[in-house]
Amino acid sequence: MTNDLSIYILKSRYMQAIEVSHLIKKFGPLTALNDISFSVGEGETFGFLGPNGAGKTTTIRILTGISRPTSGTATIFGHDIEHDTIAARQSMGIVSENSNVYDDLTAWQNMMFSAEAEHDVFR
């Protein structure tokens, strides 16, 4: 699996921006995530690195609510990703690894352009 998403935290009211506890994800007999736990503090810079097939994309898909874990929990600024998915998503922004950056636009304008162009978010 390749890591094709990056997660950027926008704001916080909680001590931990991300908390992952005993996440497991299985696809039939294949275990993609095997009991991973980690936390990212508010304002902390965090690199999510690993070889292909390590589970980076699967973890990001769970953190963004795109996929559900087989077991375990994850929160974004205290919002459970399974039970409070909308609030968790409102606390983060996603930028695809393949997105283009235009020098004449601000960072915010680039994010809005990407969202509009690729996901019809505002149409």
PDB file of N, CA and C in Angstrom:
ATOM      1  N   MET A   1       0.832  -1.176   0.000  1.00  0.00           N
ATOM      2  CA  MET A   1       0.000   0.000   0.000  1.00  0.00           C
ATOM      3  C   MET A   1       0.879   1.241   0.000  1.00  0.00           C
ATOM      4  N   THR A   2       0.496   2.229  -0.784  1.00  0.00           N
ATOM      5  CA  THR A   2       1.243   3.474  -0.768  1.00  0.00           C
ATOM      6  C   THR A   2       0.487   4.492   0.049  1.00  0.00           C
ATOM      7  N   ASN A   3       1.203   5.402   0.644  1.00  0.00           N
ATOM      8  CA  ASN A   3       0.589   6.453   1.435  1.00  0.00           C
ATOM      9  C   ASN A   3       0.216   7.590   0.515  1.00  0.00           C
ATOM     10  N   ASP A   4      -1.055   7.654   0.075  1.00  0.00           N
ATOM     11  CA  ASP A   4      -1.463   8.667  -0.883  1.00  0.00           C
ATOM     12  C   ASP A   4      -2.245   9.794  -0.240  1.00  0.00           C
ATOM     13  N   LEU A   5      -2.300   9.838   1.080  1.00  0.00           N
ATOM     14  CA  LEU A   5      -2.987  10.920   1.767  1.00  0.00           C
ATOM     15  C   LEU A   5      -2.104  11.472   2.871  1.00  0.00           C
ATOM     16  N   SER A   6      -2.241  12.743   3.133  1.00  0.00           N
ATOM     17  CA  SER A   6      -1.593  13.364   4.276  1.00  0.00           C
ATOM     18  C   SER A   6      -2.679  14.008   5.107  1.00  0.00           C
ATOM     19  N   ILE A   7      -2.509  14.060   6.393  1.00  0.00           N
ATOM     20  CA  ILE A   7      -3.516  14.642   7.268  1.00  0.00           C
ATOM     21  C   ILE A   7      -2.935  15.880   7.933  1.00  0.00           C
ATOM     22  N   TYR A   8      -3.667  16.947   7.890  1.00  0.00           N
ATOM     23  CA  TYR A   8      -3.257  18.202   8.493  1.00  0.00           C
ATOM     24  C   TYR A   8      -4.310  18.624   9.506  1.00  0.00           C
ATOM     25  N   ILE A   9      -3.896  18.853  10.737  1.00  0.00           N
ATOM     26  CA  ILE A   9      -4.806  19.230  11.800  1.00  0.00           C
ATOM     27  C   ILE A   9      -4.948  20.749  11.810  1.00  0.00           C
ATOM     28  N   LEU A  10      -6.195  21.238  11.856  1.00  0.00           N
ATOM     29  CA  LEU A  10      -6.449  22.659  11.731  1.00  0.00           C
ATOM     30  C   LEU A  10      -6.572  23.383  13.066  1.00  0.00           C
ATOM     31  N   LYS A  11      -7.291  22.840  14.021  1.00  0.00           N
ATOM     32  CA  LYS A  11      -7.461  23.519  15.302  1.00  0.00           C
ATOM     33  C   LYS A  11      -7.783  22.500  16.381  1.00  0.00           C
ATOM     34  N   SER A  12      -7.698  22.929  17.637  1.00  0.00           N
ATOM     35  CA  SER A  12      -7.896  21.976  18.717  1.00  0.00           C
ATOM     36  C   SER A  12      -8.408  22.629  19.981  1.00  0.00           C
ATOM     37  N   ARG A  13      -9.159  21.836  20.752  1.00  0.00           N
ATOM     38  CA  ARG A  13      -9.538  22.189  22.111  1.00  0.00           C
ATOM     39  C   ARG A  13      -9.020  21.125  23.069  1.00  0.00           C
ATOM     40  N   TYR A  14      -8.388  20.082  22.567  1.00  0.00           N
ATOM     41  CA  TYR A  14      -7.989  18.928  23.356  1.00  0.00           C
ATOM     42  C   TYR A  14      -6.474  18.784  23.370  1.00  0.00           C
ATOM     43  N   MET A  15      -5.980  18.019  24.350  1.00  0.00           N
ATOM     44  CA  MET A  15      -4.541  17.790  24.458  1.00  0.00           C
ATOM     45  C   MET A  15      -4.009  16.926  23.319  1.00  0.00           C
ATOM     46  N   GLN A  16      -4.730  15.884  22.937  1.00  0.00           N
ATOM     47  CA  GLN A  16      -4.272  15.000  21.874  1.00  0.00           C
ATOM     48  C   GLN A  16      -5.022  15.310  20.581  1.00  0.00           C
ATOM     49  N   ALA A  17      -4.274  15.603  19.522  1.00  0.00           N
ATOM     50  CA  ALA A  17      -4.899  15.826  18.225  1.00  0.00           C
ATOM     51  C   ALA A  17      -5.422  14.500  17.669  1.00  0.00           C
ATOM     52  N   ILE A  18      -4.606  13.464  17.779  1.00  0.00           N
ATOM     53  CA  ILE A  18      -4.985  12.130  17.299  1.00  0.00           C
ATOM     54  C   ILE A  18      -4.653  11.131  18.388  1.00  0.00           C
ATOM     55  N   GLU A  19      -5.596  10.250  18.662  1.00  0.00           N
ATOM     56  CA  GLU A  19      -5.335   9.140  19.573  1.00  0.00           C
ATOM     57  C   GLU A  19      -5.851   7.857  18.941  1.00  0.00           C
ATOM     58  N   VAL A  20      -4.954   6.906  18.776  1.00  0.00           N
ATOM     59  CA  VAL A  20      -5.280   5.611  18.187  1.00  0.00           C
ATOM     60  C   VAL A  20      -4.981   4.546  19.231  1.00  0.00           C
ATOM     61  N   SER A  21      -5.959   3.681  19.475  1.00  0.00           N
ATOM     62  CA  SER A  21      -5.790   2.672  20.514  1.00  0.00           C
ATOM     63  C   SER A  21      -6.204   1.292  20.012  1.00  0.00           C
ATOM     64  N   HIS A  22      -5.228   0.430  19.882  1.00  0.00           N
ATOM     65  CA  HIS A  22      -5.439  -0.985  19.542  1.00  0.00           C
ATOM     66  C   HIS A  22      -6.245  -1.173  18.251  1.00  0.00           C
ATOM     67  N   LEU A  23      -5.921  -0.393  17.217  1.00  0.00           N
ATOM     68  CA  LEU A  23      -6.618  -0.525  15.937  1.00  0.00           C
ATOM     69  C   LEU A  23      -6.223  -1.816  15.246  1.00  0.00           C
ATOM     70  N   ILE A  24      -7.242  -2.503  14.787  1.00  0.00           N
ATOM     71  CA  ILE A  24      -7.075  -3.714  13.979  1.00  0.00           C
ATOM     72  C   ILE A  24      -7.981  -3.559  12.764  1.00  0.00           C
ATOM     73  N   LYS A  25      -7.451  -3.895  11.598  1.00  0.00           N
ATOM     74  CA  LYS A  25      -8.251  -3.901  10.382  1.00  0.00           C
ATOM     75  C   LYS A  25      -7.934  -5.170   9.620  1.00  0.00           C
ATOM     76  N   LYS A  26      -8.991  -5.942   9.352  1.00  0.00           N
ATOM     77  CA  LYS A  26      -8.848  -7.189   8.598  1.00  0.00           C
ATOM     78  C   LYS A  26      -9.670  -7.107   7.330  1.00  0.00           C
ATOM     79  N   PHE A  27      -9.114  -7.646   6.266  1.00  0.00           N
ATOM     80  CA  PHE A  27      -9.803  -7.822   4.998  1.00  0.00           C
ATOM     81  C   PHE A  27      -9.846  -9.322   4.760  1.00  0.00           C
ATOM     82  N   GLY A  28     -10.939  -9.948   5.192  1.00  0.00           N
ATOM     83  CA  GLY A  28     -10.999 -11.404   5.130  1.00  0.00           C
ATOM     84  C   GLY A  28      -9.902 -11.983   6.002  1.00  0.00           C
ATOM     85  N   PRO A  29      -9.082 -12.901   5.466  1.00  0.00           N
ATOM     86  CA  PRO A  29      -8.017 -13.499   6.267  1.00  0.00           C
ATOM     87  C   PRO A  29      -6.771 -12.593   6.422  1.00  0.00           C
ATOM     88  N   LEU A  30      -6.704 -11.497   5.640  1.00  0.00           N
ATOM     89  CA  LEU A  30      -5.551 -10.606   5.682  1.00  0.00           C
ATOM     90  C   LEU A  30      -5.697  -9.581   6.812  1.00  0.00           C
ATOM     91  N   THR A  31      -4.691  -9.499   7.672  1.00  0.00           N
ATOM     92  CA  THR A  31      -4.666  -8.479   8.717  1.00  0.00           C
ATOM     93  C   THR A  31      -3.815  -7.320   8.218  1.00  0.00           C
ATOM     94  N   ALA A  32      -4.482  -6.188   7.922  1.00  0.00           N
ATOM     95  CA  ALA A  32      -3.781  -5.012   7.399  1.00  0.00           C
ATOM     96  C   ALA A  32      -3.196  -4.173   8.527  1.00  0.00           C
ATOM     97  N   LEU A  33      -3.902  -4.081   9.642  1.00  0.00           N
ATOM     98  CA  LEU A  33      -3.413  -3.386  10.836  1.00  0.00           C
ATOM     99  C   LEU A  33      -3.512  -4.354  11.991  1.00  0.00           C
ATOM    100  N   ASN A  34      -2.420  -4.508  12.721  1.00  0.00           N
ATOM    101  CA  ASN A  34      -2.397  -5.481  13.796  1.00  0.00           C
ATOM    102  C   ASN A  34      -2.134  -4.797  15.137  1.00  0.00           C
ATOM    103  N   ASP A  35      -3.196  -4.295  15.759  1.00  0.00           N
ATOM    104  CA  ASP A  35      -3.135  -3.747  17.118  1.00  0.00           C
ATOM    105  C   ASP A  35      -2.173  -2.558  17.225  1.00  0.00           C
ATOM    106  N   ILE A  36      -2.402  -1.517  16.396  1.00  0.00           N
ATOM    107  CA  ILE A  36      -1.536  -0.338  16.471  1.00  0.00           C
ATOM    108  C   ILE A  36      -2.116   0.692  17.433  1.00  0.00           C
ATOM    109  N   SER A  37      -1.237   1.364  18.140  1.00  0.00           N
ATOM    110  CA  SER A  37      -1.607   2.436  19.060  1.00  0.00           C
ATOM    111  C   SER A  37      -0.567   3.540  18.951  1.00  0.00           C
ATOM    112  N   PHE A  38      -1.036   4.794  18.915  1.00  0.00           N
ATOM    113  CA  PHE A  38      -0.144   5.951  18.950  1.00  0.00           C
ATOM    114  C   PHE A  38      -0.977   7.191  19.247  1.00  0.00           C
ATOM    115  N   SER A  39      -0.314   8.247  19.614  1.00  0.00           N
ATOM    116  CA  SER A  39      -1.003   9.520  19.807  1.00  0.00           C
ATOM    117  C   SER A  39      -0.141  10.641  19.243  1.00  0.00           C
ATOM    118  N   VAL A  40      -0.816  11.710  18.842  1.00  0.00           N
ATOM    119  CA  VAL A  40      -0.156  12.903  18.329  1.00  0.00           C
ATOM    120  C   VAL A  40      -0.691  14.073  19.141  1.00  0.00           C
ATOM    121  N   GLY A  41       0.202  14.755  19.818  1.00  0.00           N
ATOM    122  CA  GLY A  41      -0.199  15.886  20.637  1.00  0.00           C
ATOM    123  C   GLY A  41      -0.529  17.110  19.799  1.00  0.00           C
ATOM    124  N   GLU A  42      -1.362  17.977  20.366  1.00  0.00           N
ATOM    125  CA  GLU A  42      -1.705  19.227  19.703  1.00  0.00           C
ATOM    126  C   GLU A  42      -0.435  20.013  19.398  1.00  0.00           C
ATOM    127  N   GLY A  43      -0.280  20.450  18.155  1.00  0.00           N
ATOM    128  CA  GLY A  43       0.880  21.227  17.747  1.00  0.00           C
ATOM    129  C   GLY A  43       2.119  20.413  17.445  1.00  0.00           C
ATOM    130  N   GLU A  44       2.056  19.125  17.633  1.00  0.00           N
ATOM    131  CA  GLU A  44       3.197  18.242  17.389  1.00  0.00           C
ATOM    132  C   GLU A  44       3.337  17.965  15.895  1.00  0.00           C
ATOM    133  N   THR A  45       4.559  17.900  15.419  1.00  0.00           N
ATOM    134  CA  THR A  45       4.828  17.476  14.049  1.00  0.00           C
ATOM    135  C   THR A  45       5.018  15.969  14.079  1.00  0.00           C
ATOM    136  N   PHE A  46       4.308  15.280  13.208  1.00  0.00           N
ATOM    137  CA  PHE A  46       4.281  13.821  13.246  1.00  0.00           C
ATOM    138  C   PHE A  46       4.494  13.286  11.845  1.00  0.00           C
ATOM    139  N   GLY A  47       5.478  12.431  11.673  1.00  0.00           N
ATOM    140  CA  GLY A  47       5.713  11.775  10.390  1.00  0.00           C
ATOM    141  C   GLY A  47       5.164  10.364  10.428  1.00  0.00           C
ATOM    142  N   PHE A  48       4.384  10.017   9.432  1.00  0.00           N
ATOM    143  CA  PHE A  48       3.769   8.691   9.365  1.00  0.00           C
ATOM    144  C   PHE A  48       4.458   7.938   8.234  1.00  0.00           C
ATOM    145  N   LEU A  49       5.525   7.228   8.582  1.00  0.00           N
ATOM    146  CA  LEU A  49       6.383   6.597   7.586  1.00  0.00           C
ATOM    147  C   LEU A  49       6.379   5.085   7.737  1.00  0.00           C
ATOM    148  N   GLY A  50       6.667   4.404   6.647  1.00  0.00           N
ATOM    149  CA  GLY A  50       6.789   2.957   6.683  1.00  0.00           C
ATOM    150  C   GLY A  50       6.863   2.405   5.279  1.00  0.00           C
ATOM    151  N   PRO A  51       7.286   1.163   5.154  1.00  0.00           N
ATOM    152  CA  PRO A  51       7.391   0.553   3.828  1.00  0.00           C
ATOM    153  C   PRO A  51       6.009   0.301   3.223  1.00  0.00           C
ATOM    154  N   ASN A  52       5.987   0.072   1.912  1.00  0.00           N
ATOM    155  CA  ASN A  52       4.734  -0.292   1.253  1.00  0.00           C
ATOM    156  C   ASN A  52       4.131  -1.509   1.954  1.00  0.00           C
ATOM    157  N   GLY A  53       2.836  -1.471   2.156  1.00  0.00           N
ATOM    158  CA  GLY A  53       2.146  -2.582   2.795  1.00  0.00           C
ATOM    159  C   GLY A  53       2.152  -2.532   4.309  1.00  0.00           C
ATOM    160  N   ALA A  54       2.705  -1.474   4.897  1.00  0.00           N
ATOM    161  CA  ALA A  54       2.787  -1.384   6.359  1.00  0.00           C
ATOM    162  C   ALA A  54       1.466  -0.973   7.003  1.00  0.00           C
ATOM    163  N   GLY A  55       0.534  -0.440   6.212  1.00  0.00           N
ATOM    164  CA  GLY A  55      -0.764  -0.056   6.757  1.00  0.00           C
ATOM    165  C   GLY A  55      -0.980   1.442   6.892  1.00  0.00           C
ATOM    166  N   LYS A  56      -0.115   2.246   6.301  1.00  0.00           N
ATOM    167  CA  LYS A  56      -0.250   3.701   6.403  1.00  0.00           C
ATOM    168  C   LYS A  56      -1.565   4.181   5.792  1.00  0.00           C
ATOM    169  N   THR A  57      -1.834   3.798   4.569  1.00  0.00           N
ATOM    170  CA  THR A  57      -3.059   4.233   3.897  1.00  0.00           C
ATOM    171  C   THR A  57      -4.288   3.694   4.606  1.00  0.00           C
ATOM    172  N   THR A  58      -4.253   2.458   5.049  1.00  0.00           N
ATOM    173  CA  THR A  58      -5.376   1.883   5.784  1.00  0.00           C
ATOM    174  C   THR A  58      -5.653   2.683   7.051  1.00  0.00           C
ATOM    175  N   THR A  59      -4.605   3.061   7.766  1.00  0.00           N
ATOM    176  CA  THR A  59      -4.768   3.857   8.984  1.00  0.00           C
ATOM    177  C   THR A  59      -5.375   5.218   8.659  1.00  0.00           C
ATOM    178  N   ILE A  60      -4.871   5.882   7.625  1.00  0.00           N
ATOM    179  CA  ILE A  60      -5.403   7.195   7.238  1.00  0.00           C
ATOM    180  C   ILE A  60      -6.859   7.064   6.811  1.00  0.00           C
ATOM    181  N   ARG A  61      -7.190   6.020   6.093  1.00  0.00           N
ATOM    182  CA  ARG A  61      -8.590   5.818   5.675  1.00  0.00           C
ATOM    183  C   ARG A  61      -9.503   5.627   6.885  1.00  0.00           C
ATOM    184  N   ILE A  62      -9.013   4.984   7.914  1.00  0.00           N
ATOM    185  CA  ILE A  62      -9.800   4.833   9.143  1.00  0.00           C
ATOM    186  C   ILE A  62      -9.915   6.173   9.863  1.00  0.00           C
ATOM    187  N   LEU A  63      -8.801   6.898   9.979  1.00  0.00           N
ATOM    188  CA  LEU A  63      -8.823   8.178  10.677  1.00  0.00           C
ATOM    189  C   LEU A  63      -9.736   9.194  10.008  1.00  0.00           C
ATOM    190  N   THR A  64      -9.910   9.102   8.707  1.00  0.00           N
ATOM    191  CA  THR A  64     -10.762  10.044   7.988  1.00  0.00           C
ATOM    192  C   THR A  64     -12.199   9.555   7.848  1.00  0.00           C
ATOM    193  N   GLY A  65     -12.499   8.378   8.375  1.00  0.00           N
ATOM    194  CA  GLY A  65     -13.860   7.870   8.316  1.00  0.00           C
ATOM    195  C   GLY A  65     -14.220   7.199   7.009  1.00  0.00           C
ATOM    196  N   ILE A  66     -13.256   7.019   6.125  1.00  0.00           N
ATOM    197  CA  ILE A  66     -13.523   6.360   4.844  1.00  0.00           C
ATOM    198  C   ILE A  66     -13.706   4.864   5.043  1.00  0.00           C
ATOM    199  N   SER A  67     -12.980   4.303   5.998  1.00  0.00           N
ATOM    200  CA  SER A  67     -13.055   2.877   6.299  1.00  0.00           C
ATOM    201  C   SER A  67     -13.288   2.709   7.796  1.00  0.00           C
ATOM    202  N   ARG A  68     -13.860   1.596   8.177  1.00  0.00           N
ATOM    203  CA  ARG A  68     -14.112   1.312   9.595  1.00  0.00           C
ATOM    204  C   ARG A  68     -13.110   0.279  10.101  1.00  0.00           C
ATOM    205  N   PRO A  69     -12.648   0.439  11.329  1.00  0.00           N
ATOM    206  CA  PRO A  69     -11.735  -0.572  11.874  1.00  0.00           C
ATOM    207  C   PRO A  69     -12.492  -1.848  12.218  1.00  0.00           C
ATOM    208  N   THR A  70     -11.780  -2.951  12.196  1.00  0.00           N
ATOM    209  CA  THR A  70     -12.360  -4.212  12.661  1.00  0.00           C
ATOM    210  C   THR A  70     -12.563  -4.136  14.175  1.00  0.00           C
ATOM    211  N   SER A  71     -11.574  -3.560  14.858  1.00  0.00           N
ATOM    212  CA  SER A  71     -11.704  -3.298  16.296  1.00  0.00           C
ATOM    213  C   SER A  71     -10.714  -2.205  16.680  1.00  0.00           C
ATOM    214  N   GLY A  72     -10.863  -1.706  17.884  1.00  0.00           N
ATOM    215  CA  GLY A  72     -10.029  -0.612  18.361  1.00  0.00           C
ATOM    216  C   GLY A  72     -10.738   0.716  18.218  1.00  0.00           C
ATOM    217  N   THR A  73     -10.086   1.775  18.699  1.00  0.00           N
ATOM    218  CA  THR A  73     -10.693   3.098  18.656  1.00  0.00           C
ATOM    219  C   THR A  73      -9.691   4.136  18.147  1.00  0.00           C
ATOM    220  N   ALA A  74     -10.233   5.226  17.637  1.00  0.00           N
ATOM    221  CA  ALA A  74      -9.415   6.362  17.223  1.00  0.00           C
ATOM    222  C   ALA A  74     -10.234   7.625  17.416  1.00  0.00           C
ATOM    223  N   THR A  75      -9.574   8.674  17.881  1.00  0.00           N
ATOM    224  CA  THR A  75     -10.236   9.965  18.045  1.00  0.00           C
ATOM    225  C   THR A  75      -9.400  11.063  17.403  1.00  0.00           C
ATOM    226  N   ILE A  76     -10.101  12.073  16.922  1.00  0.00           N
ATOM    227  CA  ILE A  76      -9.483  13.290  16.404  1.00  0.00           C
ATOM    228  C   ILE A  76      -9.990  14.407  17.306  1.00  0.00           C
ATOM    229  N   PHE A  77      -9.087  15.013  18.078  1.00  0.00           N
ATOM    230  CA  PHE A  77      -9.448  16.059  19.041  1.00  0.00           C
ATOM    231  C   PHE A  77     -10.627  15.630  19.918  1.00  0.00           C
ATOM    232  N   GLY A  78     -10.605  14.384  20.348  1.00  0.00           N
ATOM    233  CA  GLY A  78     -11.624  13.873  21.250  1.00  0.00           C
ATOM    234  C   GLY A  78     -12.880  13.353  20.582  1.00  0.00           C
ATOM    235  N   HIS A  79     -13.002  13.500  19.272  1.00  0.00           N
ATOM    236  CA  HIS A  79     -14.176  13.021  18.541  1.00  0.00           C
ATOM    237  C   HIS A  79     -13.906  11.621  18.016  1.00  0.00           C
ATOM    238  N   ASP A  80     -14.717  10.661  18.442  1.00  0.00           N
ATOM    239  CA  ASP A  80     -14.566   9.277  18.007  1.00  0.00           C
ATOM    240  C   ASP A  80     -14.837   9.182  16.509  1.00  0.00           C
ATOM    241  N   ILE A  81     -13.942   8.559  15.775  1.00  0.00           N
ATOM    242  CA  ILE A  81     -14.063   8.510  14.317  1.00  0.00           C
ATOM    243  C   ILE A  81     -15.220   7.638  13.834  1.00  0.00           C
ATOM    244  N   GLU A  82     -15.701   6.738  14.677  1.00  0.00           N
ATOM    245  CA  GLU A  82     -16.842   5.907  14.278  1.00  0.00           C
ATOM    246  C   GLU A  82     -18.168   6.498  14.724  1.00  0.00           C
ATOM    247  N   HIS A  83     -18.204   7.070  15.911  1.00  0.00           N
ATOM    248  CA  HIS A  83     -19.467   7.524  16.478  1.00  0.00           C
ATOM    249  C   HIS A  83     -19.702   9.028  16.359  1.00  0.00           C
ATOM    250  N   ASP A  84     -18.667   9.783  16.046  1.00  0.00           N
ATOM    251  CA  ASP A  84     -18.773  11.229  15.898  1.00  0.00           C
ATOM    252  C   ASP A  84     -17.957  11.647  14.675  1.00  0.00           C
ATOM    253  N   THR A  85     -18.206  10.931  13.569  1.00  0.00           N
ATOM    254  CA  THR A  85     -17.395  11.070  12.362  1.00  0.00           C
ATOM    255  C   THR A  85     -17.417  12.486  11.797  1.00  0.00           C
ATOM    256  N   ILE A  86     -18.580  13.114  11.759  1.00  0.00           N
ATOM    257  CA  ILE A  86     -18.685  14.452  11.172  1.00  0.00           C
ATOM    258  C   ILE A  86     -17.849  15.454  11.957  1.00  0.00           C
ATOM    259  N   ALA A  87     -17.955  15.447  13.272  1.00  0.00           N
ATOM    260  CA  ALA A  87     -17.163  16.364  14.095  1.00  0.00           C
ATOM    261  C   ALA A  87     -15.668  16.080  13.944  1.00  0.00           C
ATOM    262  N   ALA A  88     -15.301  14.792  13.848  1.00  0.00           N
ATOM    263  CA  ALA A  88     -13.890  14.438  13.652  1.00  0.00           C
ATOM    264  C   ALA A  88     -13.395  14.981  12.318  1.00  0.00           C
ATOM    265  N   ARG A  89     -14.190  14.822  11.275  1.00  0.00           N
ATOM    266  CA  ARG A  89     -13.793  15.316   9.949  1.00  0.00           C
ATOM    267  C   ARG A  89     -13.698  16.835   9.917  1.00  0.00           C
ATOM    268  N   GLN A  90     -14.553  17.511  10.665  1.00  0.00           N
ATOM    269  CA  GLN A  90     -14.519  18.973  10.696  1.00  0.00           C
ATOM    270  C   GLN A  90     -13.269  19.494  11.400  1.00  0.00           C
ATOM    271  N   SER A  91     -12.578  18.635  12.111  1.00  0.00           N
ATOM    272  CA  SER A  91     -11.367  19.029  12.836  1.00  0.00           C
ATOM    273  C   SER A  91     -10.090  18.773  12.046  1.00  0.00           C
ATOM    274  N   MET A  92     -10.221  18.309  10.811  1.00  0.00           N
ATOM    275  CA  MET A  92      -9.035  17.981  10.022  1.00  0.00           C
ATOM    276  C   MET A  92      -9.220  18.412   8.576  1.00  0.00           C
ATOM    277  N   GLY A  93      -8.141  18.450   7.860  1.00  0.00           N
ATOM    278  CA  GLY A  93      -8.158  18.681   6.429  1.00  0.00           C
ATOM    279  C   GLY A  93      -7.300  17.628   5.761  1.00  0.00           C
ATOM    280  N   ILE A  94      -7.681  17.246   4.570  1.00  0.00           N
ATOM    281  CA  ILE A  94      -6.962  16.204   3.846  1.00  0.00           C
ATOM    282  C   ILE A  94      -6.430  16.795   2.551  1.00  0.00           C
ATOM    283  N   VAL A  95      -5.168  16.543   2.277  1.00  0.00           N
ATOM    284  CA  VAL A  95      -4.554  16.969   1.025  1.00  0.00           C
ATOM    285  C   VAL A  95      -3.934  15.734   0.386  1.00  0.00           C
ATOM    286  N   SER A  96      -4.375  15.420  -0.807  1.00  0.00           N
ATOM    287  CA  SER A  96      -3.854  14.258  -1.519  1.00  0.00           C
ATOM    288  C   SER A  96      -2.391  14.464  -1.879  1.00  0.00           C
ATOM    289  N   GLU A  97      -1.642  13.392  -1.845  1.00  0.00           N
ATOM    290  CA  GLU A  97      -0.232  13.445  -2.210  1.00  0.00           C
ATOM    291  C   GLU A  97      -0.043  13.917  -3.645  1.00  0.00           C
ATOM    292  N   ASN A  98      -1.024  13.658  -4.485  1.00  0.00           N
ATOM    293  CA  ASN A  98      -0.913  13.993  -5.902  1.00  0.00           C
ATOM    294  C   ASN A  98      -1.482  15.359  -6.253  1.00  0.00           C
ATOM    295  N   SER A  99      -1.879  16.155  -5.267  1.00  0.00           N
ATOM    296  CA  SER A  99      -2.481  17.448  -5.573  1.00  0.00           C
ATOM    297  C   SER A  99      -1.443  18.421  -6.113  1.00  0.00           C
ATOM    298  N   ASN A 100      -1.901  19.328  -6.956  1.00  0.00           N
ATOM    299  CA  ASN A 100      -1.024  20.355  -7.505  1.00  0.00           C
ATOM    300  C   ASN A 100      -1.041  21.571  -6.601  1.00  0.00           C
ATOM    301  N   VAL A 101       0.076  22.234  -6.494  1.00  0.00           N
ATOM    302  CA  VAL A 101       0.164  23.477  -5.748  1.00  0.00           C
ATOM    303  C   VAL A 101       0.475  24.581  -6.736  1.00  0.00           C
ATOM    304  N   TYR A 102      -0.337  25.629  -6.712  1.00  0.00           N
ATOM    305  CA  TYR A 102      -0.147  26.763  -7.605  1.00  0.00           C
ATOM    306  C   TYR A 102       0.472  27.907  -6.823  1.00  0.00           C
ATOM    307  N   ASP A 103       1.640  28.373  -7.289  1.00  0.00           N
ATOM    308  CA  ASP A 103       2.401  29.391  -6.584  1.00  0.00           C
ATOM    309  C   ASP A 103       1.657  30.711  -6.425  1.00  0.00           C
ATOM    310  N   ASP A 104       0.752  31.025  -7.345  1.00  0.00           N
ATOM    311  CA  ASP A 104       0.052  32.304  -7.278  1.00  0.00           C
ATOM    312  C   ASP A 104      -1.162  32.268  -6.346  1.00  0.00           C
ATOM    313  N   LEU A 105      -1.458  31.113  -5.741  1.00  0.00           N
ATOM    314  CA  LEU A 105      -2.553  30.979  -4.782  1.00  0.00           C
ATOM    315  C   LEU A 105      -1.989  30.813  -3.377  1.00  0.00           C
ATOM    316  N   THR A 106      -2.750  31.249  -2.378  1.00  0.00           N
ATOM    317  CA  THR A 106      -2.359  31.011  -0.993  1.00  0.00           C
ATOM    318  C   THR A 106      -2.573  29.543  -0.671  1.00  0.00           C
ATOM    319  N   ALA A 107      -2.072  29.102   0.477  1.00  0.00           N
ATOM    320  CA  ALA A 107      -2.272  27.710   0.906  1.00  0.00           C
ATOM    321  C   ALA A 107      -3.766  27.400   0.993  1.00  0.00           C
ATOM    322  N   TRP A 108      -4.531  28.324   1.579  1.00  0.00           N
ATOM    323  CA  TRP A 108      -5.986  28.123   1.712  1.00  0.00           C
ATOM    324  C   TRP A 108      -6.645  28.029   0.339  1.00  0.00           C
ATOM    325  N   GLN A 109      -6.276  28.908  -0.580  1.00  0.00           N
ATOM    326  CA  GLN A 109      -6.856  28.888  -1.917  1.00  0.00           C
ATOM    327  C   GLN A 109      -6.512  27.593  -2.644  1.00  0.00           C
ATOM    328  N   ASN A 110      -5.288  27.085  -2.455  1.00  0.00           N
ATOM    329  CA  ASN A 110      -4.908  25.807  -3.053  1.00  0.00           C
ATOM    330  C   ASN A 110      -5.766  24.672  -2.507  1.00  0.00           C
ATOM    331  N   MET A 111      -6.009  24.665  -1.200  1.00  0.00           N
ATOM    332  CA  MET A 111      -6.845  23.606  -0.602  1.00  0.00           C
ATOM    333  C   MET A 111      -8.270  23.698  -1.120  1.00  0.00           C
ATOM    334  N   MET A 112      -8.823  24.896  -1.198  1.00  0.00           N
ATOM    335  CA  MET A 112     -10.193  25.057  -1.688  1.00  0.00           C
ATOM    336  C   MET A 112     -10.292  24.668  -3.157  1.00  0.00           C
ATOM    337  N   PHE A 113      -9.296  25.054  -3.944  1.00  0.00           N
ATOM    338  CA  PHE A 113      -9.276  24.684  -5.355  1.00  0.00           C
ATOM    339  C   PHE A 113      -9.263  23.167  -5.515  1.00  0.00           C
ATOM    340  N   SER A 114      -8.407  22.500  -4.736  1.00  0.00           N
ATOM    341  CA  SER A 114      -8.307  21.045  -4.804  1.00  0.00           C
ATOM    342  C   SER A 114      -9.631  20.392  -4.428  1.00  0.00           C
ATOM    343  N   ALA A 115     -10.258  20.892  -3.377  1.00  0.00           N
ATOM    344  CA  ALA A 115     -11.538  20.327  -2.931  1.00  0.00           C
ATOM    345  C   ALA A 115     -12.612  20.515  -3.993  1.00  0.00           C
ATOM    346  N   GLU A 116     -12.660  21.691  -4.579  1.00  0.00           N
ATOM    347  CA  GLU A 116     -13.664  21.967  -5.599  1.00  0.00           C
ATOM    348  C   GLU A 116     -13.419  21.155  -6.865  1.00  0.00           C
ATOM    349  N   ALA A 117     -12.173  21.113  -7.296  1.00  0.00           N
ATOM    350  CA  ALA A 117     -11.845  20.474  -8.568  1.00  0.00           C
ATOM    351  C   ALA A 117     -11.999  18.960  -8.537  1.00  0.00           C
ATOM    352  N   GLU A 118     -11.583  18.351  -7.439  1.00  0.00           N
ATOM    353  CA  GLU A 118     -11.545  16.892  -7.410  1.00  0.00           C
ATOM    354  C   GLU A 118     -12.723  16.235  -6.710  1.00  0.00           C
ATOM    355  N   HIS A 119     -13.416  16.990  -5.882  1.00  0.00           N
ATOM    356  CA  HIS A 119     -14.443  16.342  -5.064  1.00  0.00           C
ATOM    357  C   HIS A 119     -15.807  17.014  -5.128  1.00  0.00           C
ATOM    358  N   ASP A 120     -15.960  18.021  -5.962  1.00  0.00           N
ATOM    359  CA  ASP A 120     -17.235  18.744  -6.080  1.00  0.00           C
ATOM    360  C   ASP A 120     -17.804  19.121  -4.724  1.00  0.00           C
ATOM    361  N   VAL A 121     -16.941  19.537  -3.800  1.00  0.00           N
ATOM    362  CA  VAL A 121     -17.357  19.833  -2.441  1.00  0.00           C
ATOM    363  C   VAL A 121     -18.332  20.992  -2.367  1.00  0.00           C
ATOM    364  N   PHE A 122     -18.115  22.036  -3.165  1.00  0.00           N
ATOM    365  CA  PHE A 122     -18.916  23.244  -3.037  1.00  0.00           C
ATOM    366  C   PHE A 122     -19.913  23.434  -4.184  1.00  0.00           C
ATOM    367  N   ARG A 123     -20.174  22.393  -4.938  1.00  0.00           N
ATOM    368  CA  ARG A 123     -21.108  22.524  -6.075  1.00  0.00           C
ATOM    369  C   ARG A 123     -22.433  21.895  -5.759  1.00  0.00           C
TER     370      ARG A 123
END
